[in-house]
C-alpha atoms as a PDB file:
ATOM      1  CA  MET A   1      13.031   6.077 -20.224  1.00  0.00           C
ATOM      2  CA  ASN A   2      12.464   2.411 -20.988  1.00  0.00           C
ATOM      3  CA  HIS A   3       9.168   1.644 -22.673  1.00  0.00           C
ATOM      4  CA  ILE A   4       7.079  -1.353 -21.703  1.00  0.00           C
ATOM      5  CA  THR A   5       4.380  -3.157 -23.619  1.00  0.00           C
ATOM      6  CA  TRP A   6       0.725  -3.466 -22.678  1.00  0.00           C
ATOM      7  CA  ALA A   7       1.462  -7.103 -21.807  1.00  0.00           C
ATOM      8  CA  ASP A   8       4.166  -5.921 -19.371  1.00  0.00           C
ATOM      9  CA  PHE A   9       1.718  -3.541 -17.681  1.00  0.00           C
ATOM     10  CA  GLN A  10      -0.924  -6.251 -17.377  1.00  0.00           C
ATOM     11  CA  LYS A  11       1.494  -8.347 -15.310  1.00  0.00           C
ATOM     12  CA  ILE A  12       1.308  -5.792 -12.494  1.00  0.00           C
ATOM     13  CA  ASP A  13      -1.796  -6.391 -10.386  1.00  0.00           C
ATOM     14  CA  ILE A  14      -2.673  -3.123  -8.613  1.00  0.00           C
ATOM     15  CA  ARG A  15      -5.795  -3.151  -6.451  1.00  0.00           C
ATOM     16  CA  VAL A  16      -7.577  -0.658  -4.219  1.00  0.00           C
ATOM     17  CA  GLY A  17      -7.982  -1.493  -0.558  1.00  0.00           C
ATOM     18  CA  THR A  18      -8.974   0.176   2.696  1.00  0.00           C
ATOM     19  CA  ILE A  19      -6.583   0.407   5.641  1.00  0.00           C
ATOM     20  CA  VAL A  20      -8.339  -1.296   8.553  1.00  0.00           C
ATOM     21  CA  ALA A  21      -5.524  -1.472  11.129  1.00  0.00           C
ATOM     22  CA  VAL A  22      -2.406   0.572  11.887  1.00  0.00           C
ATOM     23  CA  GLU A  23       0.338  -0.401  14.339  1.00  0.00           C
ATOM     24  CA  LYS A  24       3.704   1.056  15.239  1.00  0.00           C
ATOM     25  CA  PHE A  25       6.704  -0.858  13.861  1.00  0.00           C
ATOM     26  CA  PRO A  26       9.521  -0.163  16.354  1.00  0.00           C
ATOM     27  CA  GLU A  27      11.759  -2.913  14.901  1.00  0.00           C
ATOM     28  CA  ALA A  28      11.968  -1.197  11.495  1.00  0.00           C
ATOM     29  CA  ARG A  29      15.318   0.349  10.474  1.00  0.00           C
ATOM     30  CA  LYS A  30      13.474   3.447   9.213  1.00  0.00           C
ATOM     31  CA  PRO A  31      10.286   4.747  10.889  1.00  0.00           C
ATOM     32  CA  ALA A  32       7.317   2.755   9.566  1.00  0.00           C
ATOM     33  CA  PHE A  33       3.807   1.546  10.267  1.00  0.00           C
ATOM     34  CA  LEU A  34       2.439  -1.982  10.040  1.00  0.00           C
ATOM     35  CA  LEU A  35      -0.810  -1.805   8.105  1.00  0.00           C
ATOM     36  CA  LYS A  36      -3.622  -4.235   7.393  1.00  0.00           C
ATOM     37  CA  VAL A  37      -5.482  -3.534   4.162  1.00  0.00           C
ATOM     38  CA  ASP A  38      -8.914  -4.915   3.219  1.00  0.00           C
ATOM     39  CA  LEU A  39      -8.660  -5.924  -0.439  1.00  0.00           C
ATOM     40  CA  GLY A  40     -12.193  -7.262  -0.817  1.00  0.00           C
ATOM     41  CA  ASP A  41     -12.247 -10.811  -2.236  1.00  0.00           C
ATOM     42  CA  LEU A  42      -8.458 -11.048  -1.821  1.00  0.00           C
ATOM     43  CA  GLY A  43      -8.857 -10.714   1.945  1.00  0.00           C
ATOM     44  CA  ILE A  44      -6.979  -8.615   4.467  1.00  0.00           C
ATOM     45  CA  LYS A  45      -3.267  -8.306   3.699  1.00  0.00           C
ATOM     46  CA  LYS A  46      -0.368  -6.954   5.762  1.00  0.00           C
ATOM     47  CA  SER A  47       2.187  -4.372   4.692  1.00  0.00           C
ATOM     48  CA  SER A  48       4.968  -2.260   6.126  1.00  0.00           C
ATOM     49  CA  ALA A  49       4.967   1.378   5.019  1.00  0.00           C
ATOM     50  CA  GLN A  50       7.553   4.095   5.641  1.00  0.00           C
ATOM     51  CA  ILE A  51       4.980   6.901   5.721  1.00  0.00           C
ATOM     52  CA  THR A  52       5.350   8.207   9.271  1.00  0.00           C
ATOM     53  CA  HIS A  53       6.635  11.634   8.176  1.00  0.00           C
ATOM     54  CA  LEU A  54       3.361  12.728   6.550  1.00  0.00           C
ATOM     55  CA  TYR A  55       0.702  10.477   8.101  1.00  0.00           C
ATOM     56  CA  ARG A  56      -0.535   9.807  11.607  1.00  0.00           C
ATOM     57  CA  HIS A  57      -2.160   6.657  12.930  1.00  0.00           C
ATOM     58  CA  LYS A  58      -5.736   7.973  13.080  1.00  0.00           C
ATOM     59  CA  GLU A  59      -5.770   9.558   9.623  1.00  0.00           C
ATOM     60  CA  LEU A  60      -4.669   6.293   7.983  1.00  0.00           C
ATOM     61  CA  LEU A  61      -7.602   4.244   9.285  1.00  0.00           C
ATOM     62  CA  LYS A  62     -10.317   3.875   6.621  1.00  0.00           C
ATOM     63  CA  LYS A  63      -8.098   5.476   3.932  1.00  0.00           C
ATOM     64  CA  GLN A  64      -8.192   3.782   0.536  1.00  0.00           C
ATOM     65  CA  VAL A  65      -4.810   3.047  -1.069  1.00  0.00           C
ATOM     66  CA  LEU A  66      -3.435   1.380  -4.195  1.00  0.00           C
ATOM     67  CA  CYS A  67      -1.533  -1.860  -3.602  1.00  0.00           C
ATOM     68  CA  VAL A  68       0.570  -4.122  -5.796  1.00  0.00           C
ATOM     69  CA  VAL A  69      -0.772  -7.531  -4.827  1.00  0.00           C
ATOM     70  CA  ASN A  70       1.267  -9.906  -6.998  1.00  0.00           C
ATOM     71  CA  PHE A  71       4.750  -9.388  -5.564  1.00  0.00           C
ATOM     72  CA  PRO A  72       5.898 -12.350  -3.487  1.00  0.00           C
ATOM     73  CA  PRO A  73       5.605 -11.755   0.280  1.00  0.00           C
ATOM     74  CA  ILE A  74       8.774 -10.349   1.850  1.00  0.00           C
ATOM     75  CA  GLN A  75      10.035 -10.676   5.398  1.00  0.00           C
ATOM     76  CA  ILE A  76      10.696  -7.261   6.966  1.00  0.00           C
ATOM     77  CA  GLY A  77      12.152  -7.823  10.395  1.00  0.00           C
ATOM     78  CA  PRO A  78       9.752 -10.015  12.361  1.00  0.00           C
ATOM     79  CA  HIS A  79       6.820  -9.258  10.026  1.00  0.00           C
ATOM     80  CA  LEU A  80       5.739 -10.598   6.619  1.00  0.00           C
ATOM     81  CA  SER A  81       4.719  -7.899   4.139  1.00  0.00           C
ATOM     82  CA  GLU A  82       2.162  -9.323   1.682  1.00  0.00           C
ATOM     83  CA  VAL A  83       1.450  -6.295  -0.538  1.00  0.00           C
ATOM     84  CA  LEU A  84       3.238  -3.122  -1.621  1.00  0.00           C
ATOM     85  CA  ILE A  85       1.330   0.071  -0.855  1.00  0.00           C
ATOM     86  CA  THR A  86       2.138   2.598  -3.572  1.00  0.00           C
ATOM     87  CA  GLY A  87       3.092   6.231  -3.221  1.00  0.00           C
ATOM     88  CA  PHE A  88       5.182   9.081  -4.568  1.00  0.00           C
ATOM     89  CA  ASN A  89       8.361  10.630  -3.205  1.00  0.00           C
ATOM     90  CA  ASN A  90       7.676  14.332  -2.627  1.00  0.00           C
ATOM     91  CA  GLY A  91      11.308  15.294  -3.252  1.00  0.00           C
ATOM     92  CA  LYS A  92      12.138  15.378   0.462  1.00  0.00           C
ATOM     93  CA  GLY A  93      12.272  11.606   0.921  1.00  0.00           C
ATOM     94  CA  GLU A  94       8.702  11.536   2.271  1.00  0.00           C
ATOM     95  CA  ILE A  95       6.093   9.270   0.675  1.00  0.00           C
ATOM     96  CA  VAL A  96       2.652  10.561  -0.368  1.00  0.00           C
ATOM     97  CA  LEU A  97       0.166   7.698  -0.749  1.00  0.00           C
ATOM     98  CA  ALA A  98      -1.368   6.910  -4.142  1.00  0.00           C
ATOM     99  CA  GLN A  99      -5.138   6.648  -3.717  1.00  0.00           C
ATOM    100  CA  PRO A 100      -8.455   7.094  -5.533  1.00  0.00           C
ATOM    101  CA  ASP A 101      -9.608  10.707  -5.555  1.00  0.00           C
ATOM    102  CA  LYS A 102     -13.175   9.841  -4.506  1.00  0.00           C
ATOM    103  CA  ASP A 103     -13.445   8.011  -1.192  1.00  0.00           C
ATOM    104  CA  PHE A 104     -15.250   4.687  -1.325  1.00  0.00           C
ATOM    105  CA  LEU A 105     -16.566   5.039  -4.875  1.00  0.00           C
ATOM    106  CA  VAL A 106     -14.219   2.200  -5.794  1.00  0.00           C
ATOM    107  CA  PRO A 107     -14.978  -1.183  -4.159  1.00  0.00           C
ATOM    108  CA  ASN A 108     -12.127  -2.837  -2.268  1.00  0.00           C
ATOM    109  CA  GLY A 109     -10.295  -5.295  -4.502  1.00  0.00           C
ATOM    110  CA  SER A 110     -10.987  -3.391  -7.740  1.00  0.00           C
ATOM    111  CA  ARG A 111      -8.100  -3.652 -10.178  1.00  0.00           C
ATOM    112  CA  LEU A 112      -6.352  -0.658 -11.717  1.00  0.00           C
ATOM    113  CA  ILE A 113      -6.951  -0.787 -15.458  1.00  0.00           C
END
């Protein structure tokens, strides 16, 4: 394992946001959703997420997630992904979303400290 410093960790800007829109992403090479996430003062940002194995459209709406907001935007097919939604591989190649354990006790845009 490589160790990082506190200064290294502080460079990563992880914020909580609420998923406010979910669309199918048929152009993706691997099954994915296009998501819009409300990040409070940072606005609504778009992201592509390969989470279709464990999540359905309706259950994603209004779910809070943790997002890395200071990566540069990346073009994924015809769509621009502005944030990285974080998650964990469950050992089967499926992603489990990283999220606060108490719904809506954390305001959108709050930074992970």
